Amino acid sequence: MSPFKGQTGLKRIFNATGYSLDGLTAAFKGEAAFRQLIVLNVVLIPLSFFIDVSKAEHALLVLVCLLALIVELLNSAVEAAIDRISLELHPLSKNAKDMGSAAQFIALGMIAVVWGLILLG
């Protein structure tokens, strides 16, 4: 058991909320891609309320946008962990970073596909 996992109950939830907000702040301050996705979400999510679609389609429009934010947070976390280990160029580090980037590429593709299918379908 990790010594960092000592809190339980409401104290754990309070601490976890703080850590999550710290992570969002760090991503916003330090990751241009995260800020760009925030702008995309600020445009697309409100726009989704003005499109005449079913509730399920509306949910999909919003969820794919939020998924891209989640993927970017995970991608940034992988990059930060790799950089913390070493800034030395290494094939495994490159693979890890490239895979994180590929995940984000797919998430952005999902936005394009889902929005395209719903708007044009």
PDB file of N, CA and C in Angstrom:
ATOM      1  N   MET A   1       0.859  -1.181   0.000  1.00  0.00           N
ATOM      2  CA  MET A   1       0.000   0.000   0.000  1.00  0.00           C
ATOM      3  C   MET A   1       0.899   1.237   0.000  1.00  0.00           C
ATOM      4  N   SER A   2       0.534   2.189  -0.797  1.00  0.00           N
ATOM      5  CA  SER A   2       1.289   3.433  -0.927  1.00  0.00           C
ATOM      6  C   SER A   2       1.085   4.310   0.312  1.00  0.00           C
ATOM      7  N   PRO A   3       2.143   4.941   0.805  1.00  0.00           N
ATOM      8  CA  PRO A   3       1.982   5.851   1.943  1.00  0.00           C
ATOM      9  C   PRO A   3       1.199   7.111   1.575  1.00  0.00           C
ATOM     10  N   PHE A   4       1.012   7.363   0.295  1.00  0.00           N
ATOM     11  CA  PHE A   4       0.283   8.536  -0.165  1.00  0.00           C
ATOM     12  C   PHE A   4      -1.219   8.289  -0.240  1.00  0.00           C
ATOM     13  N   LYS A   5      -1.652   7.081   0.070  1.00  0.00           N
ATOM     14  CA  LYS A   5      -3.068   6.717  -0.026  1.00  0.00           C
ATOM     15  C   LYS A   5      -3.721   6.646   1.347  1.00  0.00           C
ATOM     16  N   GLY A   6      -3.298   7.472   2.304  1.00  0.00           N
ATOM     17  CA  GLY A   6      -3.754   7.355   3.676  1.00  0.00           C
ATOM     18  C   GLY A   6      -5.100   7.965   3.996  1.00  0.00           C
ATOM     19  N   GLN A   7      -5.598   8.847   3.178  1.00  0.00           N
ATOM     20  CA  GLN A   7      -6.847   9.531   3.493  1.00  0.00           C
ATOM     21  C   GLN A   7      -8.054   8.693   3.089  1.00  0.00           C
ATOM     22  N   THR A   8      -9.132   8.835   3.840  1.00  0.00           N
ATOM     23  CA  THR A   8     -10.374   8.143   3.508  1.00  0.00           C
ATOM     24  C   THR A   8     -11.541   9.125   3.667  1.00  0.00           C
ATOM     25  N   GLY A   9     -12.689   8.717   3.192  1.00  0.00           N
ATOM     26  CA  GLY A   9     -13.909   9.491   3.390  1.00  0.00           C
ATOM     27  C   GLY A   9     -13.887  10.848   2.708  1.00  0.00           C
ATOM     28  N   LEU A  10     -14.523  11.817   3.372  1.00  0.00           N
ATOM     29  CA  LEU A  10     -14.652  13.156   2.805  1.00  0.00           C
ATOM     30  C   LEU A  10     -13.298  13.836   2.618  1.00  0.00           C
ATOM     31  N   LYS A  11     -12.358  13.568   3.507  1.00  0.00           N
ATOM     32  CA  LYS A  11     -11.019  14.158   3.383  1.00  0.00           C
ATOM     33  C   LYS A  11     -10.368  13.713   2.074  1.00  0.00           C
ATOM     34  N   ARG A  12     -10.510  12.451   1.710  1.00  0.00           N
ATOM     35  CA  ARG A  12      -9.951  11.942   0.464  1.00  0.00           C
ATOM     36  C   ARG A  12     -10.604  12.619  -0.728  1.00  0.00           C
ATOM     37  N   ILE A  13     -11.930  12.762  -0.693  1.00  0.00           N
ATOM     38  CA  ILE A  13     -12.650  13.410  -1.788  1.00  0.00           C
ATOM     39  C   ILE A  13     -12.224  14.867  -1.914  1.00  0.00           C
ATOM     40  N   PHE A  14     -12.088  15.560  -0.782  1.00  0.00           N
ATOM     41  CA  PHE A  14     -11.646  16.953  -0.793  1.00  0.00           C
ATOM     42  C   PHE A  14     -10.242  17.066  -1.390  1.00  0.00           C
ATOM     43  N   ASN A  15      -9.323  16.190  -0.948  1.00  0.00           N
ATOM     44  CA  ASN A  15      -7.960  16.202  -1.479  1.00  0.00           C
ATOM     45  C   ASN A  15      -7.937  15.880  -2.965  1.00  0.00           C
ATOM     46  N   ALA A  16      -8.702  14.864  -3.375  1.00  0.00           N
ATOM     47  CA  ALA A  16      -8.737  14.466  -4.784  1.00  0.00           C
ATOM     48  C   ALA A  16      -9.263  15.608  -5.658  1.00  0.00           C
ATOM     49  N   THR A  17     -10.256  16.328  -5.173  1.00  0.00           N
ATOM     50  CA  THR A  17     -10.781  17.476  -5.918  1.00  0.00           C
ATOM     51  C   THR A  17      -9.705  18.525  -6.103  1.00  0.00           C
ATOM     52  N   GLY A  18      -8.945  18.790  -5.057  1.00  0.00           N
ATOM     53  CA  GLY A  18      -7.851  19.757  -5.145  1.00  0.00           C
ATOM     54  C   GLY A  18      -6.789  19.322  -6.141  1.00  0.00           C
ATOM     55  N   TYR A  19      -6.438  18.039  -6.109  1.00  0.00           N
ATOM     56  CA  TYR A  19      -5.440  17.530  -7.057  1.00  0.00           C
ATOM     57  C   TYR A  19      -5.946  17.645  -8.491  1.00  0.00           C
ATOM     58  N   SER A  20      -7.221  17.361  -8.682  1.00  0.00           N
ATOM     59  CA  SER A  20      -7.802  17.461 -10.025  1.00  0.00           C
ATOM     60  C   SER A  20      -7.788  18.896 -10.528  1.00  0.00           C
ATOM     61  N   LEU A  21      -8.150  19.829  -9.668  1.00  0.00           N
ATOM     62  CA  LEU A  21      -8.117  21.237 -10.059  1.00  0.00           C
ATOM     63  C   LEU A  21      -6.688  21.693 -10.340  1.00  0.00           C
ATOM     64  N   ASP A  22      -5.730  21.202  -9.541  1.00  0.00           N
ATOM     65  CA  ASP A  22      -4.318  21.507  -9.802  1.00  0.00           C
ATOM     66  C   ASP A  22      -3.894  20.985 -11.174  1.00  0.00           C
ATOM     67  N   GLY A  23      -4.359  19.788 -11.524  1.00  0.00           N
ATOM     68  CA  GLY A  23      -4.028  19.204 -12.819  1.00  0.00           C
ATOM     69  C   GLY A  23      -4.617  19.998 -13.965  1.00  0.00           C
ATOM     70  N   LEU A  24      -5.867  20.414 -13.821  1.00  0.00           N
ATOM     71  CA  LEU A  24      -6.499  21.232 -14.855  1.00  0.00           C
ATOM     72  C   LEU A  24      -5.771  22.572 -15.010  1.00  0.00           C
ATOM     73  N   THR A  25      -5.385  23.170 -13.886  1.00  0.00           N
ATOM     74  CA  THR A  25      -4.649  24.434 -13.925  1.00  0.00           C
ATOM     75  C   THR A  25      -3.302  24.253 -14.600  1.00  0.00           C
ATOM     76  N   ALA A  26      -2.586  23.191 -14.243  1.00  0.00           N
ATOM     77  CA  ALA A  26      -1.278  22.931 -14.858  1.00  0.00           C
ATOM     78  C   ALA A  26      -1.415  22.709 -16.358  1.00  0.00           C
ATOM     79  N   ALA A  27      -2.433  21.970 -16.764  1.00  0.00           N
ATOM     80  CA  ALA A  27      -2.650  21.721 -18.192  1.00  0.00           C
ATOM     81  C   ALA A  27      -2.974  23.019 -18.912  1.00  0.00           C
ATOM     82  N   PHE A  28      -3.812  23.837 -18.316  1.00  0.00           N
ATOM     83  CA  PHE A  28      -4.196  25.089 -18.966  1.00  0.00           C
ATOM     84  C   PHE A  28      -3.004  26.031 -19.093  1.00  0.00           C
ATOM     85  N   LYS A  29      -2.219  26.124 -18.041  1.00  0.00           N
ATOM     86  CA  LYS A  29      -1.065  27.026 -18.058  1.00  0.00           C
ATOM     87  C   LYS A  29       0.069  26.512 -18.935  1.00  0.00           C
ATOM     88  N   GLY A  30       0.286  25.197 -18.938  1.00  0.00           N
ATOM     89  CA  GLY A  30       1.481  24.655 -19.558  1.00  0.00           C
ATOM     90  C   GLY A  30       1.314  23.961 -20.894  1.00  0.00           C
ATOM     91  N   GLU A  31       0.080  23.745 -21.329  1.00  0.00           N
ATOM     92  CA  GLU A  31      -0.141  22.971 -22.551  1.00  0.00           C
ATOM     93  C   GLU A  31      -0.988  23.758 -23.544  1.00  0.00           C
ATOM     94  N   ALA A  32      -0.333  24.233 -24.607  1.00  0.00           N
ATOM     95  CA  ALA A  32      -1.052  24.991 -25.643  1.00  0.00           C
ATOM     96  C   ALA A  32      -2.162  24.154 -26.271  1.00  0.00           C
ATOM     97  N   ALA A  33      -1.898  22.863 -26.478  1.00  0.00           N
ATOM     98  CA  ALA A  33      -2.908  21.995 -27.090  1.00  0.00           C
ATOM     99  C   ALA A  33      -4.156  21.916 -26.216  1.00  0.00           C
ATOM    100  N   PHE A  34      -3.982  21.900 -24.906  1.00  0.00           N
ATOM    101  CA  PHE A  34      -5.129  21.853 -23.996  1.00  0.00           C
ATOM    102  C   PHE A  34      -5.929  23.153 -24.115  1.00  0.00           C
ATOM    103  N   ARG A  35      -5.235  24.281 -24.152  1.00  0.00           N
ATOM    104  CA  ARG A  35      -5.931  25.564 -24.304  1.00  0.00           C
ATOM    105  C   ARG A  35      -6.685  25.624 -25.633  1.00  0.00           C
ATOM    106  N   GLN A  36      -6.089  25.101 -26.699  1.00  0.00           N
ATOM    107  CA  GLN A  36      -6.761  25.083 -27.992  1.00  0.00           C
ATOM    108  C   GLN A  36      -8.019  24.215 -27.945  1.00  0.00           C
ATOM    109  N   LEU A  37      -7.936  23.095 -27.244  1.00  0.00           N
ATOM    110  CA  LEU A  37      -9.122  22.233 -27.110  1.00  0.00           C
ATOM    111  C   LEU A  37     -10.201  22.897 -26.266  1.00  0.00           C
ATOM    112  N   ILE A  38      -9.794  23.668 -25.273  1.00  0.00           N
ATOM    113  CA  ILE A  38     -10.771  24.423 -24.478  1.00  0.00           C
ATOM    114  C   ILE A  38     -11.535  25.382 -25.392  1.00  0.00           C
ATOM    115  N   VAL A  39     -10.806  26.086 -26.249  1.00  0.00           N
ATOM    116  CA  VAL A  39     -11.457  27.011 -27.186  1.00  0.00           C
ATOM    117  C   VAL A  39     -12.415  26.250 -28.101  1.00  0.00           C
ATOM    118  N   LEU A  40     -11.960  25.115 -28.626  1.00  0.00           N
ATOM    119  CA  LEU A  40     -12.818  24.295 -29.483  1.00  0.00           C
ATOM    120  C   LEU A  40     -14.084  23.880 -28.741  1.00  0.00           C
ATOM    121  N   ASN A  41     -13.939  23.478 -27.479  1.00  0.00           N
ATOM    122  CA  ASN A  41     -15.098  23.074 -26.674  1.00  0.00           C
ATOM    123  C   ASN A  41     -16.012  24.251 -26.369  1.00  0.00           C
ATOM    124  N   VAL A  42     -15.436  25.421 -26.135  1.00  0.00           N
ATOM    125  CA  VAL A  42     -16.237  26.617 -25.857  1.00  0.00           C
ATOM    126  C   VAL A  42     -17.079  26.993 -27.078  1.00  0.00           C
ATOM    127  N   VAL A  43     -16.589  26.667 -28.261  1.00  0.00           N
ATOM    128  CA  VAL A  43     -17.344  26.935 -29.491  1.00  0.00           C
ATOM    129  C   VAL A  43     -18.346  25.811 -29.770  1.00  0.00           C
ATOM    130  N   LEU A  44     -17.868  24.565 -29.783  1.00  0.00           N
ATOM    131  CA  LEU A  44     -18.709  23.457 -30.234  1.00  0.00           C
ATOM    132  C   LEU A  44     -19.821  23.076 -29.254  1.00  0.00           C
ATOM    133  N   ILE A  45     -19.520  23.042 -27.969  1.00  0.00           N
ATOM    134  CA  ILE A  45     -20.543  22.592 -27.012  1.00  0.00           C
ATOM    135  C   ILE A  45     -21.749  23.536 -26.994  1.00  0.00           C
ATOM    136  N   PRO A  46     -21.560  24.858 -26.866  1.00  0.00           N
ATOM    137  CA  PRO A  46     -22.751  25.730 -26.957  1.00  0.00           C
ATOM    138  C   PRO A  46     -23.442  25.633 -28.322  1.00  0.00           C
ATOM    139  N   LEU A  47     -22.655  25.504 -29.397  1.00  0.00           N
ATOM    140  CA  LEU A  47     -23.235  25.353 -30.731  1.00  0.00           C
ATOM    141  C   LEU A  47     -24.148  24.129 -30.798  1.00  0.00           C
ATOM    142  N   SER A  48     -23.787  23.080 -30.084  1.00  0.00           N
ATOM    143  CA  SER A  48     -24.581  21.843 -30.122  1.00  0.00           C
ATOM    144  C   SER A  48     -26.004  22.046 -29.606  1.00  0.00           C
ATOM    145  N   PHE A  49     -26.213  23.062 -28.783  1.00  0.00           N
ATOM    146  CA  PHE A  49     -27.552  23.329 -28.251  1.00  0.00           C
ATOM    147  C   PHE A  49     -28.466  23.976 -29.295  1.00  0.00           C
ATOM    148  N   PHE A  50     -27.880  24.493 -30.365  1.00  0.00           N
ATOM    149  CA  PHE A  50     -28.669  25.161 -31.403  1.00  0.00           C
ATOM    150  C   PHE A  50     -28.919  24.267 -32.617  1.00  0.00           C
ATOM    151  N   ILE A  51     -28.436  23.026 -32.534  1.00  0.00           N
ATOM    152  CA  ILE A  51     -28.617  22.093 -33.639  1.00  0.00           C
ATOM    153  C   ILE A  51     -29.809  21.205 -33.318  1.00  0.00           C
ATOM    154  N   ASP A  52     -30.686  21.040 -34.284  1.00  0.00           N
ATOM    155  CA  ASP A  52     -31.898  20.243 -34.085  1.00  0.00           C
ATOM    156  C   ASP A  52     -31.561  18.759 -34.248  1.00  0.00           C
ATOM    157  N   VAL A  53     -31.211  18.126 -33.120  1.00  0.00           N
ATOM    158  CA  VAL A  53     -30.874  16.699 -33.105  1.00  0.00           C
ATOM    159  C   VAL A  53     -31.531  16.053 -31.892  1.00  0.00           C
ATOM    160  N   SER A  54     -31.524  14.724 -31.895  1.00  0.00           N
ATOM    161  CA  SER A  54     -32.093  13.998 -30.753  1.00  0.00           C
ATOM    162  C   SER A  54     -31.198  14.192 -29.528  1.00  0.00           C
ATOM    163  N   LYS A  55     -31.733  13.828 -28.380  1.00  0.00           N
ATOM    164  CA  LYS A  55     -30.954  13.929 -27.145  1.00  0.00           C
ATOM    165  C   LYS A  55     -29.709  13.053 -27.207  1.00  0.00           C
ATOM    166  N   ALA A  56     -29.839  11.870 -27.786  1.00  0.00           N
ATOM    167  CA  ALA A  56     -28.693  10.963 -27.901  1.00  0.00           C
ATOM    168  C   ALA A  56     -27.618  11.563 -28.808  1.00  0.00           C
ATOM    169  N   GLU A  57     -28.044  12.150 -29.918  1.00  0.00           N
ATOM    170  CA  GLU A  57     -27.082  12.779 -30.824  1.00  0.00           C
ATOM    171  C   GLU A  57     -26.420  13.980 -30.152  1.00  0.00           C
ATOM    172  N   HIS A  58     -27.211  14.742 -29.413  1.00  0.00           N
ATOM    173  CA  HIS A  58     -26.655  15.889 -28.692  1.00  0.00           C
ATOM    174  C   HIS A  58     -25.615  15.414 -27.680  1.00  0.00           C
ATOM    175  N   ALA A  59     -25.940  14.356 -26.975  1.00  0.00           N
ATOM    176  CA  ALA A  59     -24.987  13.809 -26.011  1.00  0.00           C
ATOM    177  C   ALA A  59     -23.694  13.391 -26.704  1.00  0.00           C
ATOM    178  N   LEU A  60     -23.793  12.754 -27.847  1.00  0.00           N
ATOM    179  CA  LEU A  60     -22.594  12.354 -28.601  1.00  0.00           C
ATOM    180  C   LEU A  60     -21.765  13.556 -29.021  1.00  0.00           C
ATOM    181  N   LEU A  61     -22.420  14.615 -29.482  1.00  0.00           N
ATOM    182  CA  LEU A  61     -21.704  15.814 -29.890  1.00  0.00           C
ATOM    183  C   LEU A  61     -20.886  16.384 -28.734  1.00  0.00           C
ATOM    184  N   VAL A  62     -21.489  16.404 -27.560  1.00  0.00           N
ATOM    185  CA  VAL A  62     -20.796  16.936 -26.379  1.00  0.00           C
ATOM    186  C   VAL A  62     -19.723  15.960 -25.886  1.00  0.00           C
ATOM    187  N   LEU A  63     -20.049  14.682 -25.834  1.00  0.00           N
ATOM    188  CA  LEU A  63     -19.120  13.696 -25.274  1.00  0.00           C
ATOM    189  C   LEU A  63     -17.827  13.561 -26.069  1.00  0.00           C
ATOM    190  N   VAL A  64     -17.901  13.618 -27.388  1.00  0.00           N
ATOM    191  CA  VAL A  64     -16.659  13.496 -28.158  1.00  0.00           C
ATOM    192  C   VAL A  64     -15.759  14.710 -27.914  1.00  0.00           C
ATOM    193  N   CYS A  65     -16.358  15.870 -27.688  1.00  0.00           N
ATOM    194  CA  CYS A  65     -15.565  17.056 -27.371  1.00  0.00           C
ATOM    195  C   CYS A  65     -14.863  16.898 -26.026  1.00  0.00           C
ATOM    196  N   LEU A  66     -15.606  16.422 -25.042  1.00  0.00           N
ATOM    197  CA  LEU A  66     -15.017  16.219 -23.712  1.00  0.00           C
ATOM    198  C   LEU A  66     -13.982  15.100 -23.723  1.00  0.00           C
ATOM    199  N   LEU A  67     -14.217  14.077 -24.535  1.00  0.00           N
ATOM    200  CA  LEU A  67     -13.253  12.981 -24.644  1.00  0.00           C
ATOM    201  C   LEU A  67     -11.901  13.492 -25.130  1.00  0.00           C
ATOM    202  N   ALA A  68     -11.904  14.414 -26.066  1.00  0.00           N
ATOM    203  CA  ALA A  68     -10.642  14.967 -26.567  1.00  0.00           C
ATOM    204  C   ALA A  68      -9.884  15.687 -25.454  1.00  0.00           C
ATOM    205  N   LEU A  69     -10.603  16.345 -24.544  1.00  0.00           N
ATOM    206  CA  LEU A  69      -9.942  16.981 -23.395  1.00  0.00           C
ATOM    207  C   LEU A  69      -9.315  15.931 -22.486  1.00  0.00           C
ATOM    208  N   ILE A  70     -10.036  14.860 -22.237  1.00  0.00           N
ATOM    209  CA  ILE A  70      -9.514  13.787 -21.385  1.00  0.00           C
ATOM    210  C   ILE A  70      -8.265  13.179 -22.008  1.00  0.00           C
ATOM    211  N   VAL A  71      -8.320  12.904 -23.300  1.00  0.00           N
ATOM    212  CA  VAL A  71      -7.163  12.309 -23.985  1.00  0.00           C
ATOM    213  C   VAL A  71      -5.970  13.261 -23.921  1.00  0.00           C
ATOM    214  N   GLU A  72      -6.206  14.556 -24.080  1.00  0.00           N
ATOM    215  CA  GLU A  72      -5.101  15.525 -24.009  1.00  0.00           C
ATOM    216  C   GLU A  72      -4.502  15.556 -22.616  1.00  0.00           C
ATOM    217  N   LEU A  73      -5.326  15.465 -21.586  1.00  0.00           N
ATOM    218  CA  LEU A  73      -4.792  15.415 -20.220  1.00  0.00           C
ATOM    219  C   LEU A  73      -3.918  14.175 -20.024  1.00  0.00           C
ATOM    220  N   LEU A  74      -4.379  13.038 -20.511  1.00  0.00           N
ATOM    221  CA  LEU A  74      -3.583  11.810 -20.389  1.00  0.00           C
ATOM    222  C   LEU A  74      -2.310  11.891 -21.221  1.00  0.00           C
ATOM    223  N   ASN A  75      -2.396  12.439 -22.415  1.00  0.00           N
ATOM    224  CA  ASN A  75      -1.228  12.603 -23.266  1.00  0.00           C
ATOM    225  C   ASN A  75      -0.203  13.512 -22.582  1.00  0.00           C
ATOM    226  N   SER A  76      -0.662  14.605 -22.012  1.00  0.00           N
ATOM    227  CA  SER A  76       0.236  15.524 -21.318  1.00  0.00           C
ATOM    228  C   SER A  76       0.865  14.867 -20.093  1.00  0.00           C
ATOM    229  N   ALA A  77       0.093  14.031 -19.396  1.00  0.00           N
ATOM    230  CA  ALA A  77       0.622  13.325 -18.236  1.00  0.00           C
ATOM    231  C   ALA A  77       1.729  12.352 -18.641  1.00  0.00           C
ATOM    232  N   VAL A  78       1.514  11.631 -19.738  1.00  0.00           N
ATOM    233  CA  VAL A  78       2.545  10.709 -20.240  1.00  0.00           C
ATOM    234  C   VAL A  78       3.800  11.490 -20.599  1.00  0.00           C
ATOM    235  N   GLU A  79       3.633  12.593 -21.316  1.00  0.00           N
ATOM    236  CA  GLU A  79       4.789  13.396 -21.707  1.00  0.00           C
ATOM    237  C   GLU A  79       5.541  13.923 -20.494  1.00  0.00           C
ATOM    238  N   ALA A  80       4.807  14.403 -19.487  1.00  0.00           N
ATOM    239  CA  ALA A  80       5.453  14.923 -18.278  1.00  0.00           C
ATOM    240  C   ALA A  80       6.215  13.822 -17.543  1.00  0.00           C
ATOM    241  N   ALA A  81       5.620  12.637 -17.456  1.00  0.00           N
ATOM    242  CA  ALA A  81       6.295  11.524 -16.774  1.00  0.00           C
ATOM    243  C   ALA A  81       7.552  11.107 -17.520  1.00  0.00           C
ATOM    244  N   ILE A  82       7.484  11.049 -18.836  1.00  0.00           N
ATOM    245  CA  ILE A  82       8.654  10.688 -19.641  1.00  0.00           C
ATOM    246  C   ILE A  82       9.745  11.734 -19.463  1.00  0.00           C
ATOM    247  N   ASP A  83       9.368  13.018 -19.519  1.00  0.00           N
ATOM    248  CA  ASP A  83      10.353  14.082 -19.353  1.00  0.00           C
ATOM    249  C   ASP A  83      10.947  14.090 -17.947  1.00  0.00           C
ATOM    250  N   ARG A  84      10.158  13.698 -16.955  1.00  0.00           N
ATOM    251  CA  ARG A  84      10.655  13.625 -15.564  1.00  0.00           C
ATOM    252  C   ARG A  84      11.715  12.537 -15.436  1.00  0.00           C
ATOM    253  N   ILE A  85      11.513  11.434 -16.139  1.00  0.00           N
ATOM    254  CA  ILE A  85      12.468  10.328 -16.086  1.00  0.00           C
ATOM    255  C   ILE A  85      13.784  10.742 -16.725  1.00  0.00           C
ATOM    256  N   SER A  86      13.696  11.330 -17.918  1.00  0.00           N
ATOM    257  CA  SER A  86      14.915  11.764 -18.607  1.00  0.00           C
ATOM    258  C   SER A  86      14.547  12.578 -19.831  1.00  0.00           C
ATOM    259  N   LEU A  87      15.329  13.622 -20.081  1.00  0.00           N
ATOM    260  CA  LEU A  87      15.149  14.401 -21.301  1.00  0.00           C
ATOM    261  C   LEU A  87      15.993  13.840 -22.441  1.00  0.00           C
ATOM    262  N   GLU A  88      16.755  12.799 -22.136  1.00  0.00           N
ATOM    263  CA  GLU A  88      17.576  12.134 -23.148  1.00  0.00           C
ATOM    264  C   GLU A  88      16.672  11.476 -24.193  1.00  0.00           C
ATOM    265  N   LEU A  89      17.077  11.595 -25.459  1.00  0.00           N
ATOM    266  CA  LEU A  89      16.314  10.947 -26.524  1.00  0.00           C
ATOM    267  C   LEU A  89      16.464   9.432 -26.403  1.00  0.00           C
ATOM    268  N   HIS A  90      15.330   8.757 -26.402  1.00  0.00           N
ATOM    269  CA  HIS A  90      15.338   7.302 -26.290  1.00  0.00           C
ATOM    270  C   HIS A  90      14.174   6.765 -27.114  1.00  0.00           C
ATOM    271  N   PRO A  91      14.374   5.669 -27.836  1.00  0.00           N
ATOM    272  CA  PRO A  91      13.288   5.137 -28.677  1.00  0.00           C
ATOM    273  C   PRO A  91      12.009   4.818 -27.917  1.00  0.00           C
ATOM    274  N   LEU A  92      12.114   4.303 -26.699  1.00  0.00           N
ATOM    275  CA  LEU A  92      10.903   3.985 -25.932  1.00  0.00           C
ATOM    276  C   LEU A  92      10.175   5.249 -25.492  1.00  0.00           C
ATOM    277  N   SER A  93      10.935   6.276 -25.138  1.00  0.00           N
ATOM    278  CA  SER A  93      10.316   7.562 -24.782  1.00  0.00           C
ATOM    279  C   SER A  93       9.593   8.140 -25.993  1.00  0.00           C
ATOM    280  N   LYS A  94      10.234   8.070 -27.143  1.00  0.00           N
ATOM    281  CA  LYS A  94       9.608   8.551 -28.374  1.00  0.00           C
ATOM    282  C   LYS A  94       8.336   7.774 -28.667  1.00  0.00           C
ATOM    283  N   ASN A  95       8.389   6.463 -28.528  1.00  0.00           N
ATOM    284  CA  ASN A  95       7.196   5.642 -28.766  1.00  0.00           C
ATOM    285  C   ASN A  95       6.053   6.053 -27.839  1.00  0.00           C
ATOM    286  N   ALA A  96       6.354   6.233 -26.547  1.00  0.00           N
ATOM    287  CA  ALA A  96       5.316   6.604 -25.584  1.00  0.00           C
ATOM    288  C   ALA A  96       4.689   7.945 -25.950  1.00  0.00           C
ATOM    289  N   LYS A  97       5.533   8.918 -26.276  1.00  0.00           N
ATOM    290  CA  LYS A  97       5.013  10.238 -26.638  1.00  0.00           C
ATOM    291  C   LYS A  97       4.242  10.184 -27.951  1.00  0.00           C
ATOM    292  N   ASP A  98       4.747   9.447 -28.909  1.00  0.00           N
ATOM    293  CA  ASP A  98       4.060   9.327 -30.197  1.00  0.00           C
ATOM    294  C   ASP A  98       2.716   8.628 -30.049  1.00  0.00           C
ATOM    295  N   MET A  99       2.635   7.636 -29.180  1.00  0.00           N
ATOM    296  CA  MET A  99       1.369   6.936 -28.964  1.00  0.00           C
ATOM    297  C   MET A  99       0.347   7.852 -28.296  1.00  0.00           C
ATOM    298  N   GLY A 100       0.806   8.667 -27.364  1.00  0.00           N
ATOM    299  CA  GLY A 100      -0.093   9.649 -26.755  1.00  0.00           C
ATOM    300  C   GLY A 100      -0.608  10.634 -27.791  1.00  0.00           C
ATOM    301  N   SER A 101       0.283  11.076 -28.667  1.00  0.00           N
ATOM    302  CA  SER A 101      -0.107  11.976 -29.745  1.00  0.00           C
ATOM    303  C   SER A 101      -1.088  11.299 -30.694  1.00  0.00           C
ATOM    304  N   ALA A 102      -0.855  10.035 -30.989  1.00  0.00           N
ATOM    305  CA  ALA A 102      -1.755   9.289 -31.870  1.00  0.00           C
ATOM    306  C   ALA A 102      -3.143   9.160 -31.241  1.00  0.00           C
ATOM    307  N   ALA A 103      -3.194   8.948 -29.934  1.00  0.00           N
ATOM    308  CA  ALA A 103      -4.485   8.862 -29.248  1.00  0.00           C
ATOM    309  C   ALA A 103      -5.246  10.173 -29.397  1.00  0.00           C
ATOM    310  N   GLN A 104      -4.543  11.281 -29.266  1.00  0.00           N
ATOM    311  CA  GLN A 104      -5.199  12.577 -29.416  1.00  0.00           C
ATOM    312  C   GLN A 104      -5.639  12.798 -30.856  1.00  0.00           C
ATOM    313  N   PHE A 105      -4.836  12.365 -31.814  1.00  0.00           N
ATOM    314  CA  PHE A 105      -5.195  12.461 -33.226  1.00  0.00           C
ATOM    315  C   PHE A 105      -6.499  11.714 -33.491  1.00  0.00           C
ATOM    316  N   ILE A 106      -6.636  10.527 -32.922  1.00  0.00           N
ATOM    317  CA  ILE A 106      -7.859   9.737 -33.092  1.00  0.00           C
ATOM    318  C   ILE A 106      -9.043  10.432 -32.413  1.00  0.00           C
ATOM    319  N   ALA A 107      -8.819  11.002 -31.233  1.00  0.00           N
ATOM    320  CA  ALA A 107      -9.897  11.704 -30.535  1.00  0.00           C
ATOM    321  C   ALA A 107     -10.392  12.898 -31.354  1.00  0.00           C
ATOM    322  N   LEU A 108      -9.467  13.628 -31.959  1.00  0.00           N
ATOM    323  CA  LEU A 108      -9.871  14.756 -32.810  1.00  0.00           C
ATOM    324  C   LEU A 108     -10.600  14.257 -34.055  1.00  0.00           C
ATOM    325  N   GLY A 109     -10.141  13.132 -34.591  1.00  0.00           N
ATOM    326  CA  GLY A 109     -10.839  12.526 -35.718  1.00  0.00           C
ATOM    327  C   GLY A 109     -12.251  12.123 -35.348  1.00  0.00           C
ATOM    328  N   MET A 110     -12.426  11.635 -34.127  1.00  0.00           N
ATOM    329  CA  MET A 110     -13.767  11.267 -33.660  1.00  0.00           C
ATOM    330  C   MET A 110     -14.690  12.483 -33.625  1.00  0.00           C
ATOM    331  N   ILE A 111     -14.149  13.631 -33.213  1.00  0.00           N
ATOM    332  CA  ILE A 111     -14.967  14.846 -33.219  1.00  0.00           C
ATOM    333  C   ILE A 111     -15.431  15.133 -34.637  1.00  0.00           C
ATOM    334  N   ALA A 112     -14.489  15.095 -35.568  1.00  0.00           N
ATOM    335  CA  ALA A 112     -14.821  15.396 -36.964  1.00  0.00           C
ATOM    336  C   ALA A 112     -15.838  14.406 -37.524  1.00  0.00           C
ATOM    337  N   VAL A 113     -15.647  13.132 -37.263  1.00  0.00           N
ATOM    338  CA  VAL A 113     -16.540  12.110 -37.795  1.00  0.00           C
ATOM    339  C   VAL A 113     -17.937  12.216 -37.177  1.00  0.00           C
ATOM    340  N   VAL A 114     -18.006  12.305 -35.862  1.00  0.00           N
ATOM    341  CA  VAL A 114     -19.307  12.351 -35.198  1.00  0.00           C
ATOM    342  C   VAL A 114     -20.060  13.616 -35.579  1.00  0.00           C
ATOM    343  N   TRP A 115     -19.405  14.764 -35.515  1.00  0.00           N
ATOM    344  CA  TRP A 115     -20.070  16.003 -35.898  1.00  0.00           C
ATOM    345  C   TRP A 115     -20.489  15.952 -37.368  1.00  0.00           C
ATOM    346  N   GLY A 116     -19.598  15.450 -38.219  1.00  0.00           N
ATOM    347  CA  GLY A 116     -19.916  15.360 -39.641  1.00  0.00           C
ATOM    348  C   GLY A 116     -21.102  14.448 -39.908  1.00  0.00           C
ATOM    349  N   LEU A 117     -21.098  13.265 -39.307  1.00  0.00           N
ATOM    350  CA  LEU A 117     -22.205  12.333 -39.526  1.00  0.00           C
ATOM    351  C   LEU A 117     -23.537  12.882 -39.026  1.00  0.00           C
ATOM    352  N   ILE A 118     -23.502  13.531 -37.865  1.00  0.00           N
ATOM    353  CA  ILE A 118     -24.755  14.040 -37.304  1.00  0.00           C
ATOM    354  C   ILE A 118     -25.244  15.260 -38.096  1.00  0.00           C
ATOM    355  N   LEU A 119     -24.339  16.146 -38.465  1.00  0.00           N
ATOM    356  CA  LEU A 119     -24.766  17.352 -39.193  1.00  0.00           C
ATOM    357  C   LEU A 119     -25.158  17.059 -40.634  1.00  0.00           C
ATOM    358  N   LEU A 120     -24.457  16.124 -41.250  1.00  0.00           N
ATOM    359  CA  LEU A 120     -24.730  15.844 -42.658  1.00  0.00           C
ATOM    360  C   LEU A 120     -25.683  14.666 -42.861  1.00  0.00           C
ATOM    361  N   GLY A 121     -25.955  13.918 -41.772  1.00  0.00           N
ATOM    362  CA  GLY A 121     -26.764  12.711 -41.888  1.00  0.00           C
ATOM    363  C   GLY A 121     -28.204  12.900 -41.781  1.00  0.00           C
TER     364      GLY A 121
END
